[in-house]
Amino acid sequence: MAGESNTQKVRQGKLGLNTGNLSKKELVHFGGIDGDANPQKVPILNHPPAGETIFFGPYGSHIALGADRLNPREGFKYGGGKGTKGVFASAHIDLVAGRDSVDQYQENIPSVPVNPDALRDAARVYISQNCDVDDQFNCAEGTVGNIRSKSTVVAKGDQIRIIGREGIKIITGTDVVNSKGKKIRSVPPIDLIAGNAPPEMMQPVPRGINLRDALQALVDRINQLSGILDNFLTMQQAYNSVLMSHVHPDFVSMGACLWMTKGRSATDYFDGKTHYSKPVYKAGVKAGVAIARIKKDLLLHKCAMSGLIVEYLIPAGNKWINSRQVNTS
């Protein structure tokens, strides 16, 4: 359920430090309540005797200043990273809260010191002059790619919040060179990767104004097509009206009329013309009714397209397709 705690029990005996022969009354003052001390077992940080300065806080918190160092690495006592490989210009600042939190919550505190671990530590802010950030933090490539040997700032925790009371900007490409003095030749992309998805699942974010203009142009083209169809129906109805009542000269009746009138007139009987076709006339009437209905539907269609524009394609619309606060380039 939303908001439900998934944390450990309030007090876990296996994690408490040995407080000696303190009485129950004295132990009350070591419960961590309202500023009291809360002695507890925490994993010990493994760190090199030279080249790293560490400020230890209580409860498994620390700030490490030194060379890029993160995660276990086979064959290396102090873990992986550029620093443990002896790479120059690889300074880092590592702020950690909850060292080896995974084992701590499982009441399985390691008996040997542990190295900084991007997977097992609870939360950290990691600043490095030179690191393989995507490998170290197991990040999908996205469209940016697997970045190595670059300066990096990473914030990681079970939840991340970035709060700007008056605005937030996420910007790439402000500088013409990177931290190594090399020229940046293109605008670096921004990837928003849900689920650490693979590159083939990545798609570009539409540019809202361009999308609006494209949809507006599409609506205009549909309306133009509607107008073309309306004109066609008008002309077709005019043609049908002529065709359904069409008659033409009947030379047989004209000849008979001349014979009967002794040559005085060829049109005294039946006007000398054929009678209109009843099937054609009936079909013409039906077509006229259908065309009238279609023209009404076209009018309703135009009204609906106008409503679509008002609802989706102008900022005042209830379902304006663009965000009113979030922008991209």
C-alpha atoms as a PDB file:
ATOM      1  CA  MET A   1       0.000   0.000   0.000  1.00  0.00           C
ATOM      2  CA  ALA A   2       1.142   3.548  -0.694  1.00  0.00           C
ATOM      3  CA  GLY A   3       2.919   5.020   2.300  1.00  0.00           C
ATOM      4  CA  GLU A   4       3.209   1.684   4.091  1.00  0.00           C
ATOM      5  CA  SER A   5       6.590   1.173   5.728  1.00  0.00           C
ATOM      6  CA  ASN A   6       8.810  -1.606   4.424  1.00  0.00           C
ATOM      7  CA  THR A   7      11.553  -1.014   6.967  1.00  0.00           C
ATOM      8  CA  GLN A   8      12.956  -3.235   9.673  1.00  0.00           C
ATOM      9  CA  LYS A   9      11.384  -3.578  13.101  1.00  0.00           C
ATOM     10  CA  VAL A  10      11.789  -0.640  15.456  1.00  0.00           C
ATOM     11  CA  ARG A  11      14.304  -2.482  17.659  1.00  0.00           C
ATOM     12  CA  GLN A  12      16.378  -5.447  16.558  1.00  0.00           C
ATOM     13  CA  GLY A  13      18.463  -7.126  19.205  1.00  0.00           C
ATOM     14  CA  LYS A  14      21.024  -8.575  16.835  1.00  0.00           C
ATOM     15  CA  LEU A  15      21.993  -5.096  15.657  1.00  0.00           C
ATOM     16  CA  GLY A  16      22.443  -3.563  19.102  1.00  0.00           C
ATOM     17  CA  LEU A  17      25.913  -3.070  20.560  1.00  0.00           C
ATOM     18  CA  ASN A  18      26.907  -4.846  23.764  1.00  0.00           C
ATOM     19  CA  THR A  19      26.149  -2.280  26.436  1.00  0.00           C
ATOM     20  CA  GLY A  20      27.783  -4.237  29.249  1.00  0.00           C
ATOM     21  CA  ASN A  21      26.130  -4.581  32.632  1.00  0.00           C
ATOM     22  CA  LEU A  22      23.780  -1.628  32.266  1.00  0.00           C
ATOM     23  CA  SER A  23      20.497  -1.902  34.090  1.00  0.00           C
ATOM     24  CA  LYS A  24      17.155  -1.770  32.306  1.00  0.00           C
ATOM     25  CA  LYS A  25      16.704   1.756  33.599  1.00  0.00           C
ATOM     26  CA  GLU A  26      20.071   2.775  32.163  1.00  0.00           C
ATOM     27  CA  LEU A  27      19.325   1.024  28.848  1.00  0.00           C
ATOM     28  CA  VAL A  28      16.317   3.286  28.399  1.00  0.00           C
ATOM     29  CA  HIS A  29      18.759   6.116  27.680  1.00  0.00           C
ATOM     30  CA  PHE A  30      20.312   4.138  24.812  1.00  0.00           C
ATOM     31  CA  GLY A  31      17.163   3.723  22.744  1.00  0.00           C
ATOM     32  CA  GLY A  32      17.748   6.630  20.374  1.00  0.00           C
ATOM     33  CA  ILE A  33      14.587   8.336  21.565  1.00  0.00           C
ATOM     34  CA  ASP A  34      14.450  12.117  21.239  1.00  0.00           C
ATOM     35  CA  GLY A  35      18.189  12.656  20.908  1.00  0.00           C
ATOM     36  CA  ASP A  36      19.438   9.811  23.111  1.00  0.00           C
ATOM     37  CA  ALA A  37      22.283   7.662  21.864  1.00  0.00           C
ATOM     38  CA  ASN A  38      21.322   4.590  19.863  1.00  0.00           C
ATOM     39  CA  PRO A  39      24.304   2.198  19.866  1.00  0.00           C
ATOM     40  CA  GLN A  40      24.110  -0.270  16.994  1.00  0.00           C
ATOM     41  CA  LYS A  41      26.273  -2.503  14.885  1.00  0.00           C
ATOM     42  CA  VAL A  42      27.212  -1.080  11.495  1.00  0.00           C
ATOM     43  CA  PRO A  43      29.508  -2.402   8.779  1.00  0.00           C
ATOM     44  CA  ILE A  44      33.121  -1.210   8.995  1.00  0.00           C
ATOM     45  CA  LEU A  45      34.444   0.664   5.978  1.00  0.00           C
ATOM     46  CA  ASN A  46      37.496  -0.781   4.307  1.00  0.00           C
ATOM     47  CA  HIS A  47      39.771   2.067   3.262  1.00  0.00           C
ATOM     48  CA  PRO A  48      43.385   2.435   2.185  1.00  0.00           C
ATOM     49  CA  PRO A  49      45.871   3.658   4.802  1.00  0.00           C
ATOM     50  CA  ALA A  50      47.075   6.438   2.493  1.00  0.00           C
ATOM     51  CA  GLY A  51      45.534   8.615  -0.202  1.00  0.00           C
ATOM     52  CA  GLU A  52      42.069   8.905   1.326  1.00  0.00           C
ATOM     53  CA  THR A  53      40.624  11.169   3.999  1.00  0.00           C
ATOM     54  CA  ILE A  54      37.419   9.987   5.661  1.00  0.00           C
ATOM     55  CA  PHE A  55      35.031  11.766   8.000  1.00  0.00           C
ATOM     56  CA  PHE A  56      33.084   9.125   9.894  1.00  0.00           C
ATOM     57  CA  GLY A  57      29.648   9.832  11.310  1.00  0.00           C
ATOM     58  CA  PRO A  58      27.478   7.609  13.483  1.00  0.00           C
ATOM     59  CA  TYR A  59      25.160   4.870  12.226  1.00  0.00           C
ATOM     60  CA  GLY A  60      27.127   4.018   9.104  1.00  0.00           C
ATOM     61  CA  SER A  61      27.505   7.446   7.552  1.00  0.00           C
ATOM     62  CA  HIS A  62      30.733   8.867   6.124  1.00  0.00           C
ATOM     63  CA  ILE A  63      32.277  11.290   3.658  1.00  0.00           C
ATOM     64  CA  ALA A  64      35.308  10.010   1.771  1.00  0.00           C
ATOM     65  CA  LEU A  65      37.756  12.309  -0.018  1.00  0.00           C
ATOM     66  CA  GLY A  66      40.286  10.610  -2.243  1.00  0.00           C
ATOM     67  CA  ALA A  67      40.662   8.836  -5.562  1.00  0.00           C
ATOM     68  CA  ASP A  68      37.793   7.293  -7.551  1.00  0.00           C
ATOM     69  CA  ARG A  69      36.869   4.101  -5.668  1.00  0.00           C
ATOM     70  CA  LEU A  70      33.562   2.243  -5.776  1.00  0.00           C
ATOM     71  CA  ASN A  71      32.243  -1.344  -5.716  1.00  0.00           C
ATOM     72  CA  PRO A  72      34.105  -4.615  -5.110  1.00  0.00           C
ATOM     73  CA  ARG A  73      36.634  -5.688  -7.746  1.00  0.00           C
ATOM     74  CA  GLU A  74      38.154  -9.131  -7.970  1.00  0.00           C
ATOM     75  CA  GLY A  75      41.837  -9.097  -7.096  1.00  0.00           C
ATOM     76  CA  PHE A  76      41.681  -5.602  -5.573  1.00  0.00           C
ATOM     77  CA  LYS A  77      41.535  -5.205  -1.812  1.00  0.00           C
ATOM     78  CA  TYR A  78      40.052  -1.720  -1.869  1.00  0.00           C
ATOM     79  CA  GLY A  79      37.556  -2.198  -4.683  1.00  0.00           C
ATOM     80  CA  GLY A  80      37.175  -0.899  -8.217  1.00  0.00           C
ATOM     81  CA  GLY A  81      37.470   2.490  -9.856  1.00  0.00           C
ATOM     82  CA  LYS A  82      40.096   4.622 -11.518  1.00  0.00           C
ATOM     83  CA  GLY A  83      41.776   5.383  -8.190  1.00  0.00           C
ATOM     84  CA  THR A  84      42.565   1.740  -7.340  1.00  0.00           C
ATOM     85  CA  LYS A  85      44.097   1.382 -10.814  1.00  0.00           C
ATOM     86  CA  GLY A  86      46.489   4.248 -10.155  1.00  0.00           C
ATOM     87  CA  VAL A  87      44.958   6.587 -12.732  1.00  0.00           C
ATOM     88  CA  PHE A  88      46.000  10.211 -12.244  1.00  0.00           C
ATOM     89  CA  ALA A  89      43.422  13.041 -12.008  1.00  0.00           C
ATOM     90  CA  SER A  90      40.673  10.816 -10.565  1.00  0.00           C
ATOM     91  CA  ALA A  91      39.664  12.634  -7.374  1.00  0.00           C
ATOM     92  CA  HIS A  92      36.320  11.874  -5.802  1.00  0.00           C
ATOM     93  CA  ILE A  93      34.008  12.895  -2.981  1.00  0.00           C
ATOM     94  CA  ASP A  94      31.727  10.141  -1.728  1.00  0.00           C
ATOM     95  CA  LEU A  95      28.879  11.041   0.678  1.00  0.00           C
ATOM     96  CA  VAL A  96      27.186   7.934   2.079  1.00  0.00           C
ATOM     97  CA  ALA A  97      24.284   7.355   4.460  1.00  0.00           C
ATOM     98  CA  GLY A  98      23.688   3.705   5.350  1.00  0.00           C
ATOM     99  CA  ARG A  99      26.880   1.808   4.592  1.00  0.00           C
ATOM    100  CA  ASP A 100      26.086  -1.745   3.365  1.00  0.00           C
ATOM    101  CA  SER A 101      22.448  -1.148   4.237  1.00  0.00           C
ATOM    102  CA  VAL A 102      21.320  -4.348   2.491  1.00  0.00           C
ATOM    103  CA  ASP A 103      23.194  -6.576   4.973  1.00  0.00           C
ATOM    104  CA  GLN A 104      22.267  -4.316   7.864  1.00  0.00           C
ATOM    105  CA  TYR A 105      18.557  -4.705   7.194  1.00  0.00           C
ATOM    106  CA  GLN A 106      19.006  -8.453   6.906  1.00  0.00           C
ATOM    107  CA  GLU A 107      20.710  -8.494  10.343  1.00  0.00           C
ATOM    108  CA  ASN A 108      23.804  -9.921   8.715  1.00  0.00           C
ATOM    109  CA  ILE A 109      26.573  -7.433   9.453  1.00  0.00           C
ATOM    110  CA  PRO A 110      29.794  -8.583   7.720  1.00  0.00           C
ATOM    111  CA  SER A 111      32.620  -9.494  10.074  1.00  0.00           C
ATOM    112  CA  VAL A 112      35.177  -7.986   7.667  1.00  0.00           C
ATOM    113  CA  PRO A 113      35.389  -4.388   6.427  1.00  0.00           C
ATOM    114  CA  VAL A 114      33.403  -3.598   3.295  1.00  0.00           C
ATOM    115  CA  ASN A 115      34.228  -1.385   0.325  1.00  0.00           C
ATOM    116  CA  PRO A 116      31.921   1.379  -0.945  1.00  0.00           C
ATOM    117  CA  ASP A 117      29.173  -0.315  -2.946  1.00  0.00           C
ATOM    118  CA  ALA A 118      26.707   1.420  -5.264  1.00  0.00           C
ATOM    119  CA  LEU A 119      24.305  -1.523  -4.943  1.00  0.00           C
ATOM    120  CA  ARG A 120      24.427  -2.260  -1.209  1.00  0.00           C
ATOM    121  CA  ASP A 121      24.841   1.195   0.328  1.00  0.00           C
ATOM    122  CA  ALA A 122      21.533   2.925   1.104  1.00  0.00           C
ATOM    123  CA  ALA A 123      22.038   6.415  -0.321  1.00  0.00           C
ATOM    124  CA  ARG A 124      24.925   8.411  -1.720  1.00  0.00           C
ATOM    125  CA  VAL A 125      26.020  11.484  -3.570  1.00  0.00           C
ATOM    126  CA  TYR A 126      29.057  10.580  -5.648  1.00  0.00           C
ATOM    127  CA  ILE A 127      31.287  13.211  -7.236  1.00  0.00           C
ATOM    128  CA  SER A 128      34.176  12.018  -9.361  1.00  0.00           C
ATOM    129  CA  GLN A 129      36.735  13.756 -11.518  1.00  0.00           C
ATOM    130  CA  ASN A 130      37.167  10.671 -13.682  1.00  0.00           C
ATOM    131  CA  CYS A 131      35.120   7.459 -13.585  1.00  0.00           C
ATOM    132  CA  ASP A 132      33.196   4.871 -15.630  1.00  0.00           C
ATOM    133  CA  VAL A 133      29.862   6.059 -14.311  1.00  0.00           C
ATOM    134  CA  ASP A 134      27.498   3.769 -16.245  1.00  0.00           C
ATOM    135  CA  ASP A 135      29.476   0.646 -15.392  1.00  0.00           C
ATOM    136  CA  GLN A 136      29.865   1.624 -11.754  1.00  0.00           C
ATOM    137  CA  PHE A 137      26.168   2.403 -11.278  1.00  0.00           C
ATOM    138  CA  ASN A 138      24.785  -0.198 -13.725  1.00  0.00           C
ATOM    139  CA  CYS A 139      23.086   2.379 -15.953  1.00  0.00           C
ATOM    140  CA  ALA A 140      21.498   1.499 -19.296  1.00  0.00           C
ATOM    141  CA  GLU A 141      23.180   3.017 -22.357  1.00  0.00           C
ATOM    142  CA  GLY A 142      20.150   4.959 -23.610  1.00  0.00           C
ATOM    143  CA  THR A 143      20.995   7.278 -26.491  1.00  0.00           C
ATOM    144  CA  VAL A 144      23.870   8.859 -24.570  1.00  0.00           C
ATOM    145  CA  GLY A 145      25.815   5.567 -24.605  1.00  0.00           C
ATOM    146  CA  ASN A 146      28.021   3.848 -22.029  1.00  0.00           C
ATOM    147  CA  ILE A 147      30.149   6.719 -20.759  1.00  0.00           C
ATOM    148  CA  ARG A 148      33.640   6.039 -19.478  1.00  0.00           C
ATOM    149  CA  SER A 149      36.467   8.172 -18.141  1.00  0.00           C
ATOM    150  CA  LYS A 150      34.397  11.312 -17.558  1.00  0.00           C
ATOM    151  CA  SER A 151      33.764  13.567 -14.581  1.00  0.00           C
ATOM    152  CA  THR A 152      30.479  12.687 -12.933  1.00  0.00           C
ATOM    153  CA  VAL A 153      27.976  13.688 -10.277  1.00  0.00           C
ATOM    154  CA  VAL A 154      25.542  10.958  -9.186  1.00  0.00           C
ATOM    155  CA  ALA A 155      22.772  10.950  -6.583  1.00  0.00           C
ATOM    156  CA  LYS A 156      21.348   7.545  -5.716  1.00  0.00           C
ATOM    157  CA  GLY A 157      18.830   6.317  -3.163  1.00  0.00           C
ATOM    158  CA  ASP A 158      15.579   4.400  -2.929  1.00  0.00           C
ATOM    159  CA  GLN A 159      13.890   7.681  -3.835  1.00  0.00           C
ATOM    160  CA  ILE A 160      15.267  10.909  -5.314  1.00  0.00           C
ATOM    161  CA  ARG A 161      13.668  14.320  -4.981  1.00  0.00           C
ATOM    162  CA  ILE A 162      14.915  17.453  -6.717  1.00  0.00           C
ATOM    163  CA  ILE A 163      12.862  20.403  -5.532  1.00  0.00           C
ATOM    164  CA  GLY A 164      13.152  23.934  -6.874  1.00  0.00           C
ATOM    165  CA  ARG A 165      10.794  26.438  -5.320  1.00  0.00           C
ATOM    166  CA  GLU A 166      11.063  28.729  -8.312  1.00  0.00           C
ATOM    167  CA  GLY A 167      12.208  26.429 -11.098  1.00  0.00           C
ATOM    168  CA  ILE A 168      14.483  23.581 -12.186  1.00  0.00           C
ATOM    169  CA  LYS A 169      16.733  23.445 -15.240  1.00  0.00           C
ATOM    170  CA  ILE A 170      18.382  20.316 -16.648  1.00  0.00           C
ATOM    171  CA  ILE A 171      20.899  21.574 -19.175  1.00  0.00           C
ATOM    172  CA  THR A 172      23.584  20.006 -21.348  1.00  0.00           C
ATOM    173  CA  GLY A 173      26.133  21.636 -23.597  1.00  0.00           C
ATOM    174  CA  THR A 174      26.796  24.879 -21.736  1.00  0.00           C
ATOM    175  CA  ASP A 175      30.574  24.562 -22.204  1.00  0.00           C
ATOM    176  CA  VAL A 176      32.658  24.152 -25.337  1.00  0.00           C
ATOM    177  CA  VAL A 177      35.152  21.804 -23.647  1.00  0.00           C
ATOM    178  CA  ASN A 178      34.804  18.981 -21.116  1.00  0.00           C
ATOM    179  CA  SER A 179      36.681  18.528 -17.818  1.00  0.00           C
ATOM    180  CA  LYS A 180      39.731  17.238 -19.718  1.00  0.00           C
ATOM    181  CA  GLY A 181      39.856  20.282 -21.971  1.00  0.00           C
ATOM    182  CA  LYS A 182      38.593  18.385 -25.023  1.00  0.00           C
ATOM    183  CA  LYS A 183      36.197  20.143 -27.363  1.00  0.00           C
ATOM    184  CA  ILE A 184      32.523  19.140 -27.180  1.00  0.00           C
ATOM    185  CA  ARG A 185      31.425  18.836 -30.802  1.00  0.00           C
ATOM    186  CA  SER A 186      27.675  18.214 -30.469  1.00  0.00           C
ATOM    187  CA  VAL A 187      24.798  18.952 -28.139  1.00  0.00           C
ATOM    188  CA  PRO A 188      24.823  16.191 -25.476  1.00  0.00           C
ATOM    189  CA  PRO A 189      21.424  14.463 -25.168  1.00  0.00           C
ATOM    190  CA  ILE A 190      19.265  14.042 -22.088  1.00  0.00           C
ATOM    191  CA  ASP A 191      17.894  10.542 -21.415  1.00  0.00           C
ATOM    192  CA  LEU A 192      14.969   9.800 -19.107  1.00  0.00           C
ATOM    193  CA  ILE A 193      15.189   6.027 -18.672  1.00  0.00           C
ATOM    194  CA  ALA A 194      12.368   4.292 -16.787  1.00  0.00           C
ATOM    195  CA  GLY A 195      13.156   0.714 -15.794  1.00  0.00           C
ATOM    196  CA  ASN A 196      16.776   1.034 -16.964  1.00  0.00           C
ATOM    197  CA  ALA A 197      15.428   0.207 -20.428  1.00  0.00           C
ATOM    198  CA  PRO A 198      17.714  -0.886 -23.321  1.00  0.00           C
ATOM    199  CA  PRO A 199      18.532   1.521 -26.190  1.00  0.00           C
ATOM    200  CA  GLU A 200      16.025  -0.021 -28.606  1.00  0.00           C
ATOM    201  CA  MET A 201      13.184   1.065 -26.303  1.00  0.00           C
ATOM    202  CA  MET A 202      14.277   4.706 -26.221  1.00  0.00           C
ATOM    203  CA  GLN A 203      12.250   7.235 -28.208  1.00  0.00           C
ATOM    204  CA  PRO A 204      12.594  10.995 -28.596  1.00  0.00           C
ATOM    205  CA  VAL A 205      10.285  13.376 -26.708  1.00  0.00           C
ATOM    206  CA  PRO A 206       8.095  15.423 -29.106  1.00  0.00           C
ATOM    207  CA  ARG A 207       8.659  19.170 -29.269  1.00  0.00           C
ATOM    208  CA  GLY A 208       5.292  20.501 -28.188  1.00  0.00           C
ATOM    209  CA  ILE A 209       4.910  23.581 -30.400  1.00  0.00           C
ATOM    210  CA  ASN A 210       6.089  21.691 -33.489  1.00  0.00           C
ATOM    211  CA  LEU A 211       3.685  18.868 -32.651  1.00  0.00           C
ATOM    212  CA  ARG A 212       0.840  21.345 -32.265  1.00  0.00           C
ATOM    213  CA  ASP A 213       1.682  22.960 -35.604  1.00  0.00           C
ATOM    214  CA  ALA A 214       1.857  19.550 -37.284  1.00  0.00           C
ATOM    215  CA  LEU A 215      -1.535  18.530 -35.904  1.00  0.00           C
ATOM    216  CA  GLN A 216      -3.002  21.914 -36.866  1.00  0.00           C
ATOM    217  CA  ALA A 217      -1.689  21.434 -40.408  1.00  0.00           C
ATOM    218  CA  LEU A 218      -3.196  17.939 -40.457  1.00  0.00           C
ATOM    219  CA  VAL A 219      -6.563  19.315 -39.318  1.00  0.00           C
ATOM    220  CA  ASP A 220      -6.371  21.968 -42.037  1.00  0.00           C
ATOM    221  CA  ARG A 221      -5.656  19.323 -44.684  1.00  0.00           C
ATOM    222  CA  ILE A 222      -8.578  17.201 -43.461  1.00  0.00           C
ATOM    223  CA  ASN A 223     -10.844  20.243 -43.635  1.00  0.00           C
ATOM    224  CA  GLN A 224      -9.602  20.973 -47.158  1.00  0.00           C
ATOM    225  CA  LEU A 225     -10.396  17.401 -48.138  1.00  0.00           C
ATOM    226  CA  SER A 226     -13.834  17.805 -46.576  1.00  0.00           C
ATOM    227  CA  GLY A 227     -14.378  20.924 -48.695  1.00  0.00           C
ATOM    228  CA  ILE A 228     -13.290  19.101 -51.837  1.00  0.00           C
ATOM    229  CA  LEU A 229     -15.738  16.297 -51.077  1.00  0.00           C
ATOM    230  CA  ASP A 230     -18.519  18.808 -50.436  1.00  0.00           C
ATOM    231  CA  ASN A 231     -17.899  20.469 -53.812  1.00  0.00           C
ATOM    232  CA  PHE A 232     -17.877  17.094 -55.520  1.00  0.00           C
ATOM    233  CA  LEU A 233     -21.194  16.145 -53.919  1.00  0.00           C
ATOM    234  CA  THR A 234     -22.740  19.438 -55.043  1.00  0.00           C
ATOM    235  CA  MET A 235     -21.650  18.852 -58.639  1.00  0.00           C
ATOM    236  CA  GLN A 236     -22.714  15.205 -58.481  1.00  0.00           C
ATOM    237  CA  GLN A 237     -26.164  16.181 -57.223  1.00  0.00           C
ATOM    238  CA  ALA A 238     -26.552  18.662 -60.096  1.00  0.00           C
ATOM    239  CA  TYR A 239     -25.534  15.972 -62.584  1.00  0.00           C
ATOM    240  CA  ASN A 240     -27.878  13.429 -60.995  1.00  0.00           C
ATOM    241  CA  SER A 241     -30.788  15.879 -61.217  1.00  0.00           C
ATOM    242  CA  VAL A 242     -30.254  16.250 -64.964  1.00  0.00           C
ATOM    243  CA  LEU A 243     -29.685  12.546 -65.532  1.00  0.00           C
ATOM    244  CA  MET A 244     -32.732  11.293 -63.571  1.00  0.00           C
ATOM    245  CA  SER A 245     -35.180  13.365 -65.689  1.00  0.00           C
ATOM    246  CA  HIS A 246     -33.269  13.105 -68.942  1.00  0.00           C
ATOM    247  CA  VAL A 247     -35.212  12.555 -72.213  1.00  0.00           C
ATOM    248  CA  HIS A 248     -33.999  12.643 -75.815  1.00  0.00           C
ATOM    249  CA  PRO A 249     -35.569  12.774 -79.331  1.00  0.00           C
ATOM    250  CA  ASP A 250     -37.493   9.667 -80.423  1.00  0.00           C
ATOM    251  CA  PHE A 251     -37.311   9.431 -84.191  1.00  0.00           C
ATOM    252  CA  VAL A 252     -39.922   6.665 -84.362  1.00  0.00           C
ATOM    253  CA  SER A 253     -42.562   8.763 -82.596  1.00  0.00           C
ATOM    254  CA  MET A 254     -41.556  11.803 -84.643  1.00  0.00           C
ATOM    255  CA  GLY A 255     -42.021   9.853 -87.894  1.00  0.00           C
ATOM    256  CA  ALA A 256     -45.395   8.512 -86.763  1.00  0.00           C
ATOM    257  CA  CYS A 257     -46.470  12.016 -85.807  1.00  0.00           C
ATOM    258  CA  LEU A 258     -45.490  13.377 -89.232  1.00  0.00           C
ATOM    259  CA  TRP A 259     -47.460  10.610 -90.923  1.00  0.00           C
ATOM    260  CA  MET A 260     -50.517  11.169 -88.768  1.00  0.00           C
ATOM    261  CA  THR A 261     -50.436  14.966 -89.220  1.00  0.00           C
ATOM    262  CA  LYS A 262     -49.646  14.695 -92.890  1.00  0.00           C
ATOM    263  CA  GLY A 263     -46.309  16.433 -92.356  1.00  0.00           C
ATOM    264  CA  ARG A 264     -47.576  19.349 -90.289  1.00  0.00           C
ATOM    265  CA  SER A 265     -45.729  18.525 -87.038  1.00  0.00           C
ATOM    266  CA  ALA A 266     -43.299  15.991 -85.611  1.00  0.00           C
ATOM    267  CA  THR A 267     -43.977  16.783 -81.937  1.00  0.00           C
ATOM    268  CA  ASP A 268     -47.744  16.706 -81.541  1.00  0.00           C
ATOM    269  CA  TYR A 269     -47.520  13.290 -79.923  1.00  0.00           C
ATOM    270  CA  PHE A 270     -45.118  12.731 -76.941  1.00  0.00           C
ATOM    271  CA  ASP A 271     -43.247  15.911 -77.981  1.00  0.00           C
ATOM    272  CA  GLY A 272     -41.218  13.670 -80.220  1.00  0.00           C
ATOM    273  CA  LYS A 273     -39.151  12.563 -77.208  1.00  0.00           C
ATOM    274  CA  THR A 274     -38.641   9.409 -75.193  1.00  0.00           C
ATOM    275  CA  HIS A 275     -40.081   9.084 -71.689  1.00  0.00           C
ATOM    276  CA  TYR A 276     -37.615   9.305 -68.751  1.00  0.00           C
ATOM    277  CA  SER A 277     -36.419   6.028 -67.206  1.00  0.00           C
ATOM    278  CA  LYS A 278     -38.321   5.213 -64.019  1.00  0.00           C
ATOM    279  CA  PRO A 279     -35.484   3.091 -62.509  1.00  0.00           C
ATOM    280  CA  VAL A 280     -33.004   5.899 -63.159  1.00  0.00           C
ATOM    281  CA  TYR A 281     -35.399   8.445 -61.668  1.00  0.00           C
ATOM    282  CA  LYS A 282     -35.885   6.358 -58.510  1.00  0.00           C
ATOM    283  CA  ALA A 283     -32.124   5.863 -58.138  1.00  0.00           C
ATOM    284  CA  GLY A 284     -31.617   9.602 -58.559  1.00  0.00           C
ATOM    285  CA  VAL A 285     -34.072  10.397 -55.775  1.00  0.00           C
ATOM    286  CA  LYS A 286     -32.318   7.961 -53.410  1.00  0.00           C
ATOM    287  CA  ALA A 287     -28.929   9.412 -54.315  1.00  0.00           C
ATOM    288  CA  GLY A 288     -30.223  12.931 -53.629  1.00  0.00           C
ATOM    289  CA  VAL A 289     -31.380  11.927 -50.145  1.00  0.00           C
ATOM    290  CA  ALA A 290     -28.036  10.240 -49.432  1.00  0.00           C
ATOM    291  CA  ILE A 291     -26.059  13.250 -50.665  1.00  0.00           C
ATOM    292  CA  ALA A 292     -28.085  15.586 -48.471  1.00  0.00           C
ATOM    293  CA  ARG A 293     -27.323  13.374 -45.471  1.00  0.00           C
ATOM    294  CA  ILE A 294     -23.614  13.237 -46.332  1.00  0.00           C
ATOM    295  CA  LYS A 295     -23.450  17.030 -46.676  1.00  0.00           C
ATOM    296  CA  LYS A 296     -25.030  17.320 -43.210  1.00  0.00           C
ATOM    297  CA  ASP A 297     -22.432  14.880 -41.833  1.00  0.00           C
ATOM    298  CA  LEU A 298     -19.654  16.939 -43.436  1.00  0.00           C
ATOM    299  CA  LEU A 299     -20.957  20.028 -41.665  1.00  0.00           C
ATOM    300  CA  LEU A 300     -20.942  18.177 -38.347  1.00  0.00           C
ATOM    301  CA  HIS A 301     -17.445  16.905 -39.155  1.00  0.00           C
ATOM    302  CA  LYS A 302     -16.197  20.467 -39.649  1.00  0.00           C
ATOM    303  CA  CYS A 303     -17.728  21.476 -36.319  1.00  0.00           C
ATOM    304  CA  ALA A 304     -16.033  18.501 -34.622  1.00  0.00           C
ATOM    305  CA  MET A 305     -12.652  19.452 -36.107  1.00  0.00           C
ATOM    306  CA  SER A 306     -13.101  22.984 -34.794  1.00  0.00           C
ATOM    307  CA  GLY A 307     -13.886  21.549 -31.368  1.00  0.00           C
ATOM    308  CA  LEU A 308     -10.743  19.398 -31.534  1.00  0.00           C
ATOM    309  CA  ILE A 309      -8.649  22.499 -32.164  1.00  0.00           C
ATOM    310  CA  VAL A 310     -10.212  24.344 -29.232  1.00  0.00           C
ATOM    311  CA  GLU A 311      -9.875  21.396 -26.856  1.00  0.00           C
ATOM    312  CA  TYR A 312      -6.397  20.108 -27.744  1.00  0.00           C
ATOM    313  CA  LEU A 313      -4.437  22.612 -29.822  1.00  0.00           C
ATOM    314  CA  ILE A 314      -4.756  25.917 -27.960  1.00  0.00           C
ATOM    315  CA  PRO A 315      -3.312  26.596 -24.493  1.00  0.00           C
ATOM    316  CA  ALA A 316      -6.706  27.521 -23.039  1.00  0.00           C
ATOM    317  CA  GLY A 317      -8.160  24.115 -23.936  1.00  0.00           C
ATOM    318  CA  ASN A 318      -8.987  21.643 -21.174  1.00  0.00           C
ATOM    319  CA  LYS A 319      -6.861  18.984 -22.868  1.00  0.00           C
ATOM    320  CA  TRP A 320      -4.078  21.175 -24.288  1.00  0.00           C
ATOM    321  CA  ILE A 321      -1.545  18.629 -25.556  1.00  0.00           C
ATOM    322  CA  ASN A 322       1.473  20.489 -24.164  1.00  0.00           C
ATOM    323  CA  SER A 323       2.573  20.978 -20.595  1.00  0.00           C
ATOM    324  CA  ARG A 324       2.110  24.495 -19.283  1.00  0.00           C
ATOM    325  CA  GLN A 325       5.141  24.211 -16.989  1.00  0.00           C
ATOM    326  CA  VAL A 326       7.606  21.632 -18.425  1.00  0.00           C
ATOM    327  CA  ASN A 327       9.613  22.557 -21.520  1.00  0.00           C
ATOM    328  CA  THR A 328      12.279  20.906 -23.677  1.00  0.00           C
ATOM    329  CA  SER A 329      14.436  21.968 -26.595  1.00  0.00           C
END
